[in-house]
Protein backbone atom coordinates (compact mmCIF):
# COMPACT_ATOMS: atom_id res chain seq x y z
CA MET A 1 26.77 76.94 50.56
CA SER A 2 28.72 74.32 48.61
CA LEU A 3 29.93 71.13 50.27
CA PRO A 4 32.73 68.66 49.53
CA GLN A 5 31.57 65.44 47.89
CA PRO A 6 31.34 62.41 50.24
CA PRO A 7 32.56 58.90 49.46
CA PRO A 8 29.99 56.42 48.11
CA VAL A 9 27.46 55.40 50.75
CA ALA A 10 27.38 51.74 51.71
CA GLY A 11 24.11 50.00 52.46
CA ARG A 12 20.77 49.90 50.72
CA GLN A 13 20.88 50.86 47.06
CA VAL A 14 18.15 53.03 45.56
CA THR A 15 16.06 50.92 43.19
CA GLU A 16 13.96 52.35 40.37
CA HIS A 17 15.28 55.73 41.48
CA ALA A 18 13.06 55.50 44.55
CA VAL A 19 13.87 57.97 47.33
CA ARG A 20 12.53 57.25 50.82
CA VAL A 21 11.48 60.46 52.57
CA LEU A 22 10.74 61.09 56.26
CA THR A 23 9.69 64.44 57.72
CA VAL A 24 9.30 65.17 61.43
CA ASN A 25 9.07 68.18 63.72
CA VAL A 26 11.42 67.01 66.47
CA HIS A 27 10.14 69.52 69.07
CA LYS A 28 13.74 70.31 70.09
CA GLY A 29 14.28 66.76 71.29
CA PHE A 30 11.44 66.67 73.82
CA SER A 31 8.15 64.79 74.05
CA ALA A 32 4.82 66.63 74.05
CA PHE A 33 4.56 69.35 76.71
CA ASN A 34 8.35 69.02 77.19
CA ARG A 35 7.84 66.19 79.66
CA ARG A 36 10.87 64.10 78.67
CA TYR A 37 14.12 64.52 76.79
CA VAL A 38 13.79 61.88 74.06
CA LEU A 39 16.44 62.67 71.45
CA PRO A 40 18.32 59.33 71.88
CA GLU A 41 15.03 57.43 71.44
CA LEU A 42 14.13 59.61 68.47
CA ARG A 43 17.46 58.80 66.82
CA GLU A 44 16.77 55.07 67.07
CA ALA A 45 13.28 55.54 65.62
CA VAL A 46 14.58 57.63 62.72
CA ARG A 47 17.34 55.10 62.00
CA SER A 48 14.79 52.26 61.89
CA GLN A 49 13.07 53.78 58.83
CA ASP A 50 16.18 53.68 56.63
CA ALA A 51 15.08 56.88 54.87
CA ASP A 52 17.30 58.43 52.21
CA LEU A 53 16.21 61.94 53.16
CA VAL A 54 15.08 63.17 56.57
CA PHE A 55 13.47 66.62 56.83
CA LEU A 56 13.70 68.04 60.37
CA GLN A 57 11.98 71.05 61.90
CA GLU A 58 12.55 72.64 65.32
CA VAL A 59 15.97 71.02 65.62
CA LEU A 60 18.41 72.61 68.05
CA GLY A 61 21.80 73.80 66.95
CA SER A 62 22.68 74.47 70.59
CA HIS A 63 21.08 75.15 73.98
CA ARG A 64 23.23 75.87 77.01
CA GLY A 65 20.41 75.62 79.55
CA HIS A 66 19.23 72.18 78.46
CA ALA A 67 22.82 70.95 78.26
CA SER A 68 23.35 71.77 81.94
CA ARG A 69 20.12 70.05 83.06
CA HIS A 70 20.25 66.77 81.13
CA PRO A 71 23.25 64.45 81.72
CA ASP A 72 22.74 62.64 78.40
CA TRP A 73 22.43 65.86 76.38
CA SER A 74 24.20 65.69 73.03
CA HIS A 75 27.44 67.69 72.84
CA VAL A 76 27.01 68.09 69.07
CA PRO A 77 24.10 69.86 67.33
CA GLN A 78 20.95 67.76 67.31
CA TYR A 79 21.00 67.33 63.54
CA GLU A 80 24.52 65.85 63.75
CA PHE A 81 23.45 63.56 66.58
CA LEU A 82 20.47 62.33 64.54
CA ALA A 83 22.56 61.95 61.37
CA ASP A 84 24.98 59.66 63.22
CA SER A 85 26.73 57.35 60.73
CA LEU A 86 23.76 56.75 58.40
CA TRP A 87 23.51 60.18 56.78
CA PRO A 88 26.97 61.39 55.76
CA GLN A 89 25.60 64.69 54.47
CA TYR A 90 23.45 67.21 56.30
CA ALA A 91 22.43 70.83 55.97
CA TYR A 92 21.18 73.16 58.68
CA GLY A 93 19.32 76.45 58.43
CA ARG A 94 19.25 78.52 61.61
CA ASN A 95 15.92 80.29 62.06
CA ALA A 96 15.62 81.42 65.69
CA VAL A 97 18.36 82.68 68.02
CA TYR A 98 17.81 83.33 71.72
CA PRO A 99 20.05 83.80 74.80
CA ASP A 100 20.48 80.06 75.48
CA GLY A 101 20.84 78.82 71.92
CA GLU A 102 19.24 78.45 68.50
CA HIS A 103 17.02 76.19 66.41
CA GLY A 104 15.98 75.77 62.78
CA ASN A 105 15.41 73.29 59.97
CA ALA A 106 17.76 70.53 58.82
CA LEU A 107 18.08 67.95 56.07
CA LEU A 108 19.85 64.61 56.53
CA SER A 109 20.86 63.03 53.22
CA LYS A 110 22.39 59.81 51.91
CA PHE A 111 23.08 61.67 48.67
CA ALA A 112 25.72 64.31 48.08
CA ILE A 113 24.51 67.82 48.85
CA ARG A 114 25.77 70.01 46.04
CA HIS A 115 24.56 73.30 47.48
CA TYR A 116 22.22 74.62 50.16
CA GLU A 117 20.90 77.92 51.46
CA ASN A 118 18.42 79.02 54.12
CA LEU A 119 15.76 81.51 53.01
CA ASP A 120 14.45 83.70 55.82
CA VAL A 121 10.66 83.95 55.41
CA SER A 122 9.95 85.54 58.78
CA VAL A 123 7.16 88.10 58.86
CA THR A 124 7.58 91.23 60.98
CA GLY A 125 6.36 90.68 64.53
CA SER A 126 6.24 86.89 64.26
CA GLU A 127 8.45 83.94 65.15
CA ARG A 128 11.48 83.39 62.93
CA ARG A 129 10.76 80.97 60.07
CA GLY A 130 12.80 79.60 57.19
CA LEU A 131 12.91 77.52 54.03
CA LEU A 132 16.02 75.34 53.77
CA HIS A 133 16.68 74.74 50.06
CA ALA A 134 19.22 72.07 49.05
CA VAL A 135 20.35 70.65 45.70
CA LEU A 136 21.25 66.95 45.79
CA ASP A 137 23.11 64.63 43.42
CA VAL A 138 21.07 61.44 42.97
CA PRO A 139 22.96 58.91 40.83
CA GLY A 140 21.65 58.77 37.26
CA GLN A 141 19.11 61.56 37.81
CA ARG A 142 18.76 65.28 37.31
CA PRO A 143 19.75 67.28 40.40
CA LEU A 144 17.06 66.90 43.05
CA HIS A 145 15.82 70.07 44.76
CA THR A 146 14.53 69.78 48.32
CA VAL A 147 12.93 72.39 50.57
CA CYS A 148 12.50 71.84 54.30
CA ALA A 149 9.78 74.22 55.50
CA HIS A 150 8.46 75.51 58.81
CA LEU A 151 5.74 78.12 58.37
CA GLY A 152 4.08 80.53 60.79
CA LEU A 153 1.14 80.07 63.14
CA ASP A 154 -0.90 82.96 61.75
CA GLU A 155 -2.66 82.42 58.41
CA ARG A 156 -1.74 85.87 57.10
CA GLN A 157 1.91 85.06 57.77
CA ARG A 158 1.58 81.70 56.03
CA VAL A 159 0.05 83.24 52.90
CA LYS A 160 3.08 85.51 52.55
CA GLN A 161 5.44 82.61 53.25
CA LEU A 162 3.70 80.40 50.67
CA ARG A 163 4.17 83.16 48.11
CA LEU A 164 7.88 83.23 48.93
CA LEU A 165 8.00 79.45 48.55
CA CYS A 166 6.35 79.75 45.12
CA ARG A 167 8.87 82.42 44.16
CA LEU A 168 11.69 80.05 45.10
CA LEU A 169 10.13 77.23 43.07
CA GLU A 170 9.68 79.49 40.05
CA SER A 171 13.43 80.15 40.11
CA LEU A 172 14.25 76.43 39.75
CA PRO A 173 14.65 74.61 36.42
CA ALA A 174 11.18 73.72 35.15
CA GLU A 175 12.05 70.04 34.63
CA ALA A 176 13.88 69.51 37.95
CA PRO A 177 12.39 67.04 40.46
CA VAL A 178 11.38 68.78 43.70
CA ILE A 179 10.42 67.55 47.18
CA VAL A 180 9.03 70.04 49.71
CA ALA A 181 8.30 68.78 53.23
CA GLY A 182 7.84 70.05 56.72
CA ASP A 183 5.55 71.67 59.26
CA PHE A 184 3.16 74.00 57.42
CA ASN A 185 0.95 74.79 60.45
CA ASP A 186 -1.87 74.76 57.89
CA TRP A 187 -4.73 73.73 60.15
CA ARG A 188 -7.28 75.38 57.81
CA GLN A 189 -5.97 73.31 54.86
CA ARG A 190 -5.40 76.24 52.52
CA ALA A 191 -1.82 75.52 51.41
CA ASP A 192 -2.69 73.06 48.63
CA GLN A 193 -4.64 75.66 46.67
CA HIS A 194 -1.84 78.20 47.02
CA LEU A 195 0.85 75.74 45.91
CA ALA A 196 -1.04 74.12 43.03
CA GLY A 197 -0.04 77.05 40.85
CA CYS A 198 3.61 76.23 41.54
CA GLY A 199 3.12 72.69 40.23
CA LEU A 200 3.30 71.01 43.66
CA VAL A 201 1.17 67.98 44.52
CA GLU A 202 0.62 66.97 48.14
CA VAL A 203 1.20 63.22 48.42
CA PHE A 204 -1.51 62.41 51.00
CA THR A 205 -4.09 64.59 49.25
CA GLN A 206 -3.32 62.79 46.00
CA ALA A 207 -3.54 59.33 47.62
CA HIS A 208 -6.36 59.85 50.14
CA GLY A 209 -8.15 63.08 49.21
CA ARG A 210 -6.85 65.12 52.14
CA PRO A 211 -3.61 65.87 53.99
CA ALA A 212 -2.53 63.61 56.84
CA ARG A 213 -3.60 64.24 60.41
CA SER A 214 -0.37 64.68 62.33
CA PHE A 215 -1.03 66.90 65.38
CA PRO A 216 -1.19 66.45 68.31
CA ALA A 217 0.77 63.21 68.18
CA ARG A 218 -1.26 61.30 70.80
CA TRP A 219 -4.66 62.23 69.31
CA PRO A 220 -4.00 63.59 65.81
CA LEU A 221 -6.77 65.89 64.62
CA LEU A 222 -5.04 68.63 62.63
CA CYS A 223 -3.28 68.33 59.27
CA LEU A 224 -0.18 70.43 59.96
CA ASP A 225 2.63 68.49 58.26
CA ARG A 226 2.94 68.00 54.50
CA ILE A 227 5.01 66.41 51.74
CA TYR A 228 4.77 67.91 48.24
CA VAL A 229 6.40 66.76 45.02
CA ARG A 230 6.91 68.19 41.54
CA ASN A 231 8.17 66.24 38.50
CA ALA A 232 8.05 63.08 40.62
CA GLN A 233 5.61 60.36 41.69
CA ALA A 234 4.69 59.43 45.25
CA ARG A 235 4.07 55.89 46.44
CA GLN A 236 2.44 54.60 49.64
CA PRO A 237 2.48 57.70 51.87
CA ARG A 238 1.86 56.90 55.51
CA VAL A 239 1.64 58.54 58.90
CA MET A 240 3.93 57.11 61.57
CA GLY A 241 1.20 56.97 64.20
CA ARG A 242 2.18 54.07 66.43
CA LYS A 243 4.62 53.84 69.32
CA PRO A 244 7.31 54.94 69.72
CA TRP A 245 6.50 57.84 67.35
CA SER A 246 3.42 59.01 69.23
CA HIS A 247 5.60 59.56 72.32
CA LEU A 248 8.63 61.24 70.72
CA SER A 249 7.26 64.67 69.71
CA ASP A 250 4.05 66.67 69.58
CA HIS A 251 3.89 65.97 65.80
CA LEU A 252 3.68 62.61 64.04
CA PRO A 253 6.20 61.99 61.26
CA LEU A 254 5.18 61.44 57.64
CA PHE A 255 6.83 58.94 55.31
CA VAL A 256 6.64 58.40 51.55
CA GLU A 257 8.60 56.82 48.72
CA VAL A 258 9.22 59.21 45.82
CA LEU A 259 9.94 57.93 42.32
CA LEU A 260 12.16 60.23 40.29
């Protein structure tokens, strides 16, 4: 899908072609175990990081039941609510549809989104999953390709989905910078070896020798969330493990600066 070009974005200018990246599974706007509706708090936390790109998973497009139960429920899709005035461009890929509503992946961007599409990578008999691919115009750079991913819970499903991700990457220009981020559900830490053949480097593995522990948010033990780059350099990746983040989802967000 092609989008109209936005006006220039005021605020922080990208220096050295550095792109600040945040990825978070927003758990449909609820804290762990669905105890509290926290989307307004989550928006403030996301805004505080001043990221250029925000990769979102499990973000609601709509939900009639929740809207009737929570007085402060957003009347716009959650990705629009989170984008607010800081991210003039956003893309949404619907993955799951159910009687009360829908959810999927989204990308919030301070750069113009030239084109985006949602690739359905659902495996028969499993939950609906998708890869949201967007092409961005970063001033003075080659077009930047981003993929927001949410993979399946079963390893056999993930292997098939990783192959589809590699097929997507193989279709992109060989020299194009690429950022892939999201919830890989890769608790056995097998994704890196599958994606190495596609030229992707995981930023925490490169910096610290292993992916980041991001789940569950209060006591992170499993390395489920990832940020990969190709034709780019990562700097100072970190897990957002302190309050308020540990109370705003069941996953901890990941943050990194990417040099194009």
